[in-house]
């Protein structure tokens, strides 16, 4: 294999977090990056995921739902769609 060196500048915290993820998968950071680049070449696709930050409105909505669940205000479980629709259509 003919190896070459790629040098990139990244945020120190991002590097440390990526190293931790790689370590949990039994890899070092170099192997993780190599695997990703091989995937890009093989699929000819670049997939980047960047989660959106939580907004105060979303945090509030989640808190409301969690409180309802804790209070037991949840619907019953349904085994099929017909059973659900029967309950929904009750007047």
C-alpha atoms as a PDB file:
ATOM      1  CA  UNK A   1       0.000   0.000   0.000  1.00  0.00           C
ATOM      2  CA  UNK A   2       1.326   3.422  -0.939  1.00  0.00           C
ATOM      3  CA  UNK A   3       0.503   5.713   2.006  1.00  0.00           C
ATOM      4  CA  UNK A   4       0.552   9.494   2.077  1.00  0.00           C
ATOM      5  CA  UNK A   5       0.067  12.034   4.841  1.00  0.00           C
ATOM      6  CA  UNK A   6      -2.866  14.439   5.003  1.00  0.00           C
ATOM      7  CA  UNK A   7      -2.633  17.333   7.421  1.00  0.00           C
ATOM      8  CA  UNK A   8      -5.784  19.127   8.541  1.00  0.00           C
ATOM      9  CA  UNK A   9      -6.559  21.679  11.209  1.00  0.00           C
ATOM     10  CA  UNK A  10      -9.550  20.967  13.406  1.00  0.00           C
ATOM     11  CA  UNK A  11     -10.871  22.184  16.715  1.00  0.00           C
ATOM     12  CA  UNK A  12      -9.064  20.488  19.616  1.00  0.00           C
ATOM     13  CA  UNK A  13     -12.332  19.483  21.323  1.00  0.00           C
ATOM     14  CA  UNK A  14     -13.671  17.970  18.090  1.00  0.00           C
ATOM     15  CA  UNK A  15     -10.470  15.954  17.676  1.00  0.00           C
ATOM     16  CA  UNK A  16     -10.641  14.637  21.236  1.00  0.00           C
ATOM     17  CA  UNK A  17     -14.320  13.745  20.883  1.00  0.00           C
ATOM     18  CA  UNK A  18     -13.661  11.974  17.569  1.00  0.00           C
ATOM     19  CA  UNK A  19     -10.766  10.065  19.130  1.00  0.00           C
ATOM     20  CA  UNK A  20     -13.093   8.903  21.913  1.00  0.00           C
ATOM     21  CA  UNK A  21     -15.693   7.727  19.382  1.00  0.00           C
ATOM     22  CA  UNK A  22     -13.014   5.907  17.398  1.00  0.00           C
ATOM     23  CA  UNK A  23     -11.599   4.307  20.547  1.00  0.00           C
ATOM     24  CA  UNK A  24     -15.051   3.047  21.556  1.00  0.00           C
ATOM     25  CA  UNK A  25     -15.235   1.367  18.135  1.00  0.00           C
ATOM     26  CA  UNK A  26     -11.788  -0.176  18.598  1.00  0.00           C
ATOM     27  CA  UNK A  27     -10.114   2.180  16.135  1.00  0.00           C
ATOM     28  CA  UNK A  28      -7.641   5.007  16.206  1.00  0.00           C
ATOM     29  CA  UNK A  29      -8.470   8.339  14.602  1.00  0.00           C
ATOM     30  CA  UNK A  30      -6.366   7.627  11.516  1.00  0.00           C
ATOM     31  CA  UNK A  31      -8.232   4.352  10.871  1.00  0.00           C
ATOM     32  CA  UNK A  32     -11.577   6.091  11.342  1.00  0.00           C
ATOM     33  CA  UNK A  33     -10.679   8.811   8.837  1.00  0.00           C
ATOM     34  CA  UNK A  34      -9.317   6.221   6.386  1.00  0.00           C
ATOM     35  CA  UNK A  35     -12.525   4.205   6.635  1.00  0.00           C
ATOM     36  CA  UNK A  36     -14.660   7.296   6.038  1.00  0.00           C
ATOM     37  CA  UNK A  37     -12.614   8.353   3.002  1.00  0.00           C
ATOM     38  CA  UNK A  38     -12.823   4.824   1.568  1.00  0.00           C
ATOM     39  CA  UNK A  39     -16.588   4.985   2.039  1.00  0.00           C
ATOM     40  CA  UNK A  40     -16.717   8.331   0.198  1.00  0.00           C
ATOM     41  CA  UNK A  41     -14.729   6.874  -2.694  1.00  0.00           C
ATOM     42  CA  UNK A  42     -16.783   3.667  -2.841  1.00  0.00           C
ATOM     43  CA  UNK A  43     -20.197   5.347  -2.656  1.00  0.00           C
ATOM     44  CA  UNK A  44     -19.263   8.649  -4.325  1.00  0.00           C
ATOM     45  CA  UNK A  45     -21.344  10.303  -1.587  1.00  0.00           C
ATOM     46  CA  UNK A  46     -20.418  12.689   1.192  1.00  0.00           C
ATOM     47  CA  UNK A  47     -22.767  12.493   4.144  1.00  0.00           C
ATOM     48  CA  UNK A  48     -22.409  15.027   6.906  1.00  0.00           C
ATOM     49  CA  UNK A  49     -24.711  15.049   9.903  1.00  0.00           C
ATOM     50  CA  UNK A  50     -24.968  18.116  12.051  1.00  0.00           C
ATOM     51  CA  UNK A  51     -27.661  17.997  14.724  1.00  0.00           C
ATOM     52  CA  UNK A  52     -29.653  21.154  15.204  1.00  0.00           C
ATOM     53  CA  UNK A  53     -29.257  22.788  18.602  1.00  0.00           C
ATOM     54  CA  UNK A  54     -32.135  22.523  21.031  1.00  0.00           C
ATOM     55  CA  UNK A  55     -34.297  25.627  21.063  1.00  0.00           C
ATOM     56  CA  UNK A  56     -35.988  26.849  24.240  1.00  0.00           C
ATOM     57  CA  UNK A  57     -39.351  26.027  22.634  1.00  0.00           C
ATOM     58  CA  UNK A  58     -38.291  22.441  21.903  1.00  0.00           C
ATOM     59  CA  UNK A  59     -36.894  22.000  25.412  1.00  0.00           C
ATOM     60  CA  UNK A  60     -40.197  23.238  26.837  1.00  0.00           C
ATOM     61  CA  UNK A  61     -42.223  20.882  24.621  1.00  0.00           C
ATOM     62  CA  UNK A  62     -40.072  17.931  25.653  1.00  0.00           C
ATOM     63  CA  UNK A  63     -40.478  18.854  29.326  1.00  0.00           C
ATOM     64  CA  UNK A  64     -44.281  18.932  28.911  1.00  0.00           C
ATOM     65  CA  UNK A  65     -44.323  15.517  27.236  1.00  0.00           C
ATOM     66  CA  UNK A  66     -42.002  14.015  29.851  1.00  0.00           C
ATOM     67  CA  UNK A  67     -44.257  15.352  32.632  1.00  0.00           C
ATOM     68  CA  UNK A  68     -47.335  13.852  30.937  1.00  0.00           C
ATOM     69  CA  UNK A  69     -45.612  10.486  30.620  1.00  0.00           C
ATOM     70  CA  UNK A  70     -44.490  10.603  34.255  1.00  0.00           C
ATOM     71  CA  UNK A  71     -48.051  11.424  35.334  1.00  0.00           C
ATOM     72  CA  UNK A  72     -49.340   8.440  33.382  1.00  0.00           C
ATOM     73  CA  UNK A  73     -51.193  10.518  30.803  1.00  0.00           C
ATOM     74  CA  UNK A  74     -50.458   8.282  27.847  1.00  0.00           C
ATOM     75  CA  UNK A  75     -52.665   6.390  25.438  1.00  0.00           C
ATOM     76  CA  UNK A  76     -53.089   2.668  25.622  1.00  0.00           C
ATOM     77  CA  UNK A  77     -51.007   0.435  23.381  1.00  0.00           C
ATOM     78  CA  UNK A  78     -52.588  -0.768  20.152  1.00  0.00           C
ATOM     79  CA  UNK A  79     -51.957  -4.078  18.412  1.00  0.00           C
ATOM     80  CA  UNK A  80     -53.053  -2.879  14.992  1.00  0.00           C
ATOM     81  CA  UNK A  81     -54.220   0.163  13.054  1.00  0.00           C
ATOM     82  CA  UNK A  82     -57.856  -0.947  12.948  1.00  0.00           C
ATOM     83  CA  UNK A  83     -58.052  -0.955  16.748  1.00  0.00           C
ATOM     84  CA  UNK A  84     -56.498   2.516  16.857  1.00  0.00           C
ATOM     85  CA  UNK A  85     -58.876   3.861  14.221  1.00  0.00           C
ATOM     86  CA  UNK A  86     -61.897   2.428  16.053  1.00  0.00           C
ATOM     87  CA  UNK A  87     -60.880   4.324  19.203  1.00  0.00           C
ATOM     88  CA  UNK A  88     -60.154   7.509  17.256  1.00  0.00           C
ATOM     89  CA  UNK A  89     -63.530   7.474  15.528  1.00  0.00           C
ATOM     90  CA  UNK A  90     -65.548   6.998  18.709  1.00  0.00           C
ATOM     91  CA  UNK A  91     -67.822   9.944  19.291  1.00  0.00           C
END
